[in-house]
Amino acid sequence: MKRRVRYRLHATAVNKDSGYMSIMDKIRLQQALAVLPSHHTPPKHQPEMLYIGCVDARLDPIDDIGIDKGKALIFRNIGALVLKDGHAGSGTISAGSEIPQNISVGAVLEFFLNHIPVERGKVKHIVVSGHTDCGGLKACQNEECGKHDHHLSHYLENLKDVRTRVRNEAKAKGWNDAQLLHALEEESVRQSMANLQGYPVVRKAMEEGAVEVHGWVIDTATQRILEMNPKTLEFEPMAARRAS
């Protein structure tokens, strides 16, 4: 037997003149109209992939890419950055010491590779997925962080060398701003892929053949994926690579 859950909307959040409904009231309305089954069983949690993507609100890795629910851990930050493992080999973090920037991504890598079981014969996958028209990389490209952006500016400093390399190449080749940004998107993924393989837990899993790593740049407008060729480090359309 199914039951309907009723939820009182916040009338003040709806503008009667414009018909505008706030994002919170849209969520509340959806909850109010939801029809729940009498038995609630969550889908199986059997992740085969760790997806490291950007926080951009226009991208949904579940719907856009076709990942089934329960099949991927989703880890998102600004620019889909994997920072260097600055803590490798330094022992435990003592009380009162500074927490390293990379601790969050390091923890999710260990959780995925050490604690998520996988069916016999299957290989796990880690994806670093940048995207086009990335606001975080635009801020990095144009150095737009303000005096109140302490955390953001500190975070984007991790791309300083990438930005310098891309700017030098852009100057030599006469690129415009759009071409420079796209090159920055790809070079950022290359750096994150290199950093990813610097984590002992990832390196060990790769040596054992237990995980494969992938670098992507997703077109925000079309959701088409450019995939990094591990041999040439160039980005190629995924569909073309599959066909070949």
Protein backbone atom coordinates (compact mmCIF):
# COMPACT_ATOMS: atom_id res chain seq x y z
CA MET A 1 0.00 0.00 0.00
CA LYS A 2 1.35 3.43 -0.95
CA ARG A 3 0.88 6.55 1.12
CA ARG A 4 1.15 10.19 0.12
CA VAL A 5 3.38 12.39 2.23
CA ARG A 6 2.02 15.88 2.79
CA TYR A 7 4.31 18.83 3.43
CA ARG A 8 3.24 22.42 4.15
CA LEU A 9 4.78 24.90 1.68
CA HIS A 10 6.23 28.17 2.91
CA ALA A 11 3.80 30.60 1.26
CA THR A 12 6.09 33.55 1.81
CA ALA A 13 8.66 32.06 -0.56
CA VAL A 14 6.28 32.19 -3.54
CA ASN A 15 5.93 35.56 -5.25
CA LYS A 16 2.24 35.88 -6.17
CA ASP A 17 2.90 38.52 -8.83
CA SER A 18 5.61 36.72 -10.79
CA GLY A 19 4.68 33.15 -9.93
CA TYR A 20 8.27 32.61 -8.83
CA MET A 21 8.86 29.66 -6.54
CA SER A 22 12.11 29.39 -4.61
CA ILE A 23 14.39 26.42 -5.04
CA MET A 24 13.58 25.28 -1.49
CA ASP A 25 9.85 25.37 -2.13
CA LYS A 26 10.28 23.38 -5.34
CA ILE A 27 12.03 20.72 -3.27
CA ARG A 28 9.31 20.87 -0.62
CA LEU A 29 6.62 20.56 -3.30
CA GLN A 30 8.29 17.50 -4.78
CA GLN A 31 8.44 15.96 -1.33
CA ALA A 32 4.79 16.80 -0.73
CA LEU A 33 3.72 15.11 -3.96
CA ALA A 34 5.91 12.05 -3.54
CA VAL A 35 4.12 8.71 -3.34
CA LEU A 36 6.09 6.34 -1.15
CA PRO A 37 5.85 2.54 -1.27
CA SER A 38 4.99 0.75 1.96
CA HIS A 39 8.43 -0.84 2.05
CA HIS A 40 11.52 1.32 1.55
CA THR A 41 14.57 -0.53 0.28
CA PRO A 42 17.52 1.58 -0.89
CA PRO A 43 19.28 0.60 -4.10
CA LYS A 44 22.35 -1.59 -3.70
CA HIS A 45 25.56 0.28 -2.95
CA GLN A 46 28.11 -1.42 -5.20
CA PRO A 47 30.43 1.32 -6.51
CA GLU A 48 32.74 0.29 -9.33
CA MET A 49 33.86 3.86 -10.00
CA LEU A 50 35.11 6.88 -8.10
CA TYR A 51 34.11 9.98 -10.06
CA ILE A 52 36.07 13.13 -9.18
CA GLY A 53 34.27 16.05 -10.77
CA CYS A 54 33.58 19.77 -10.49
CA VAL A 55 30.87 21.38 -8.35
CA ASP A 56 29.40 23.12 -11.42
CA ALA A 57 25.60 23.10 -11.03
CA ARG A 58 24.98 22.39 -14.71
CA LEU A 59 26.51 18.92 -14.62
CA ASP A 60 24.95 15.78 -13.18
CA PRO A 61 27.20 12.72 -13.59
CA ILE A 62 24.31 10.36 -12.92
CA ASP A 63 21.95 11.72 -15.59
CA ASP A 64 24.43 13.27 -18.05
CA ILE A 65 26.84 10.36 -18.33
CA GLY A 66 24.57 7.41 -17.63
CA ILE A 67 26.07 6.09 -14.40
CA ASP A 68 23.58 3.89 -12.59
CA LYS A 69 22.69 4.86 -9.03
CA GLY A 70 24.81 2.98 -6.54
CA LYS A 71 27.59 2.30 -9.06
CA ALA A 72 29.84 5.31 -8.46
CA LEU A 73 31.11 7.34 -5.53
CA ILE A 74 30.77 11.01 -6.49
CA PHE A 75 33.42 13.41 -5.16
CA ARG A 76 33.19 17.03 -6.28
CA ASN A 77 35.23 20.17 -5.72
CA ILE A 78 36.01 23.37 -7.64
CA GLY A 79 37.68 22.44 -10.91
CA ALA A 80 37.79 18.68 -10.20
CA LEU A 81 41.29 19.07 -8.75
CA VAL A 82 43.34 16.25 -7.28
CA LEU A 83 46.02 17.91 -5.18
CA LYS A 84 49.45 16.43 -4.57
CA ASP A 85 49.76 13.93 -1.75
CA GLY A 86 51.87 16.16 0.45
CA HIS A 87 51.26 13.86 3.43
CA ALA A 88 52.68 10.67 1.88
CA GLY A 89 55.19 8.95 4.11
CA SER A 90 54.97 11.55 6.88
CA GLY A 91 53.12 9.37 9.39
CA THR A 92 49.94 10.28 11.25
CA ILE A 93 48.57 13.80 11.62
CA SER A 94 49.24 14.94 15.16
CA ALA A 95 46.71 16.87 17.25
CA GLY A 96 46.92 20.58 16.59
CA SER A 97 48.90 20.20 13.37
CA GLU A 98 47.72 21.79 10.14
CA ILE A 99 45.32 19.62 8.16
CA PRO A 100 46.73 19.10 4.65
CA GLN A 101 44.69 20.43 1.71
CA ASN A 102 44.53 17.02 0.11
CA ILE A 103 43.16 15.11 3.10
CA SER A 104 39.61 14.92 1.74
CA VAL A 105 40.54 13.44 -1.64
CA GLY A 106 43.12 11.19 0.06
CA ALA A 107 40.44 9.85 2.39
CA VAL A 108 37.99 9.10 -0.42
CA LEU A 109 40.71 7.32 -2.43
CA GLU A 110 41.52 5.10 0.56
CA PHE A 111 37.83 4.47 1.25
CA PHE A 112 37.16 3.49 -2.38
CA LEU A 113 40.22 1.30 -2.86
CA ASN A 114 40.59 -0.24 0.60
CA HIS A 115 37.02 -0.56 1.86
CA ILE A 116 34.65 -0.95 -1.11
CA PRO A 117 34.45 -4.59 -2.19
CA VAL A 118 34.29 -5.42 -5.88
CA GLU A 119 33.01 -8.53 -7.62
CA ARG A 120 35.67 -11.09 -8.46
CA GLY A 121 37.24 -10.39 -11.84
CA LYS A 122 36.05 -6.79 -12.01
CA VAL A 123 38.38 -3.77 -12.09
CA LYS A 124 37.64 -0.50 -10.31
CA HIS A 125 37.80 2.83 -12.14
CA ILE A 126 38.79 6.32 -11.01
CA VAL A 127 37.77 9.24 -13.24
CA VAL A 128 39.07 12.81 -13.01
CA SER A 129 36.46 14.81 -14.91
CA GLY A 130 36.99 18.45 -15.80
CA HIS A 131 34.56 20.31 -18.04
CA THR A 132 34.28 23.18 -20.47
CA ASP A 133 33.23 26.69 -19.40
CA CYS A 134 34.51 26.03 -15.88
CA GLY A 135 34.00 29.03 -13.60
CA GLY A 136 36.78 27.99 -11.24
CA LEU A 137 39.31 27.75 -14.05
CA LYS A 138 38.11 31.08 -15.46
CA ALA A 139 38.85 32.63 -12.06
CA CYS A 140 42.29 31.00 -12.19
CA GLN A 141 42.90 32.14 -15.77
CA ASN A 142 41.93 35.75 -15.08
CA GLU A 143 43.21 35.83 -11.48
CA GLU A 144 39.81 37.10 -10.34
CA CYS A 145 39.95 36.18 -6.65
CA GLY A 146 39.29 39.18 -4.43
CA LYS A 147 40.80 40.21 -1.12
CA HIS A 148 38.05 38.38 0.75
CA ASP A 149 38.66 35.09 -1.13
CA HIS A 150 41.31 33.68 1.18
CA HIS A 151 40.37 30.01 0.79
CA LEU A 152 39.54 30.20 -2.93
CA SER A 153 42.74 32.00 -3.88
CA HIS A 154 44.82 29.60 -1.78
CA TYR A 155 43.09 26.63 -3.42
CA LEU A 156 43.57 27.90 -6.98
CA GLU A 157 47.28 28.49 -6.31
CA ASN A 158 47.58 24.76 -6.96
CA LEU A 159 47.09 25.59 -10.65
CA LYS A 160 49.70 28.34 -10.77
CA ASP A 161 52.27 26.28 -12.71
CA VAL A 162 49.58 24.94 -15.05
CA ARG A 163 48.41 28.48 -15.78
CA THR A 164 51.96 29.64 -16.53
CA ARG A 165 52.59 26.76 -18.95
CA VAL A 166 49.32 27.35 -20.78
CA ARG A 167 49.84 31.13 -20.96
CA ASN A 168 53.29 30.62 -22.48
CA GLU A 169 51.91 28.22 -25.07
CA ALA A 170 48.99 30.54 -25.83
CA LYS A 171 51.37 33.44 -26.40
CA ALA A 172 53.58 31.37 -28.70
CA LYS A 173 50.62 30.08 -30.73
CA GLY A 174 48.47 33.22 -30.72
CA TRP A 175 45.48 31.68 -28.96
CA ASN A 176 42.44 33.71 -27.96
CA ASP A 177 40.92 33.59 -24.45
CA ALA A 178 38.54 30.73 -25.32
CA GLN A 179 41.37 28.59 -26.66
CA LEU A 180 43.49 29.38 -23.62
CA LEU A 181 40.67 28.37 -21.26
CA HIS A 182 40.11 25.07 -23.06
CA ALA A 183 43.84 24.31 -22.91
CA LEU A 184 43.78 25.15 -19.19
CA GLU A 185 40.88 22.73 -18.70
CA GLU A 186 42.82 19.91 -20.33
CA GLU A 187 46.14 20.72 -18.65
CA SER A 188 44.43 20.85 -15.26
CA VAL A 189 43.17 17.30 -15.77
CA ARG A 190 46.65 16.16 -16.83
CA GLN A 191 48.10 17.57 -13.61
CA SER A 192 45.38 15.99 -11.50
CA MET A 193 45.96 12.64 -13.19
CA ALA A 194 49.68 12.86 -12.40
CA ASN A 195 48.91 13.84 -8.80
CA LEU A 196 46.38 11.01 -8.50
CA GLN A 197 49.00 8.42 -9.36
CA GLY A 198 51.27 9.87 -6.68
CA TYR A 199 49.02 8.53 -3.89
CA PRO A 200 50.47 5.25 -2.55
CA VAL A 201 47.04 3.62 -2.36
CA VAL A 202 46.39 4.38 -6.04
CA ARG A 203 49.87 3.38 -7.17
CA LYS A 204 49.59 0.05 -5.35
CA ALA A 205 46.16 -0.70 -6.83
CA MET A 206 47.40 0.14 -10.34
CA GLU A 207 50.44 -2.13 -9.93
CA GLU A 208 48.11 -4.94 -8.87
CA GLY A 209 45.81 -4.35 -11.84
CA ALA A 210 42.94 -3.56 -9.48
CA VAL A 211 42.11 -0.08 -10.79
CA GLU A 212 42.20 1.90 -14.01
CA VAL A 213 42.41 5.71 -14.05
CA HIS A 214 40.80 7.98 -16.63
CA GLY A 215 41.02 11.71 -17.44
CA TRP A 216 37.98 13.39 -18.99
CA VAL A 217 36.85 16.82 -20.11
CA ILE A 218 33.07 17.01 -20.53
CA ASP A 219 31.47 19.51 -22.88
CA THR A 220 29.05 21.37 -20.60
CA ALA A 221 26.70 22.15 -23.51
CA THR A 222 26.50 18.68 -25.09
CA GLN A 223 27.74 16.31 -22.35
CA ARG A 224 30.12 14.76 -24.90
CA ILE A 225 33.32 13.46 -23.32
CA LEU A 226 36.90 14.01 -24.39
CA GLU A 227 39.06 11.25 -22.93
CA MET A 228 42.78 11.54 -22.26
CA ASN A 229 44.89 9.04 -24.17
CA PRO A 230 47.21 7.57 -21.50
CA LYS A 231 50.05 7.19 -24.01
CA THR A 232 49.98 10.59 -25.74
CA LEU A 233 48.19 12.55 -22.96
CA GLU A 234 46.09 14.13 -25.71
CA PHE A 235 42.30 14.38 -25.41
CA GLU A 236 40.18 12.53 -27.96
CA PRO A 237 36.41 12.10 -28.35
CA MET A 238 35.40 9.06 -26.34
CA ALA A 239 33.09 7.83 -29.07
CA ALA A 240 35.94 7.92 -31.60
CA ARG A 241 38.29 6.03 -29.29
CA ARG A 242 35.66 3.33 -28.73
CA ALA A 243 35.02 3.00 -32.45
CA SER A 244 38.73 2.57 -33.16
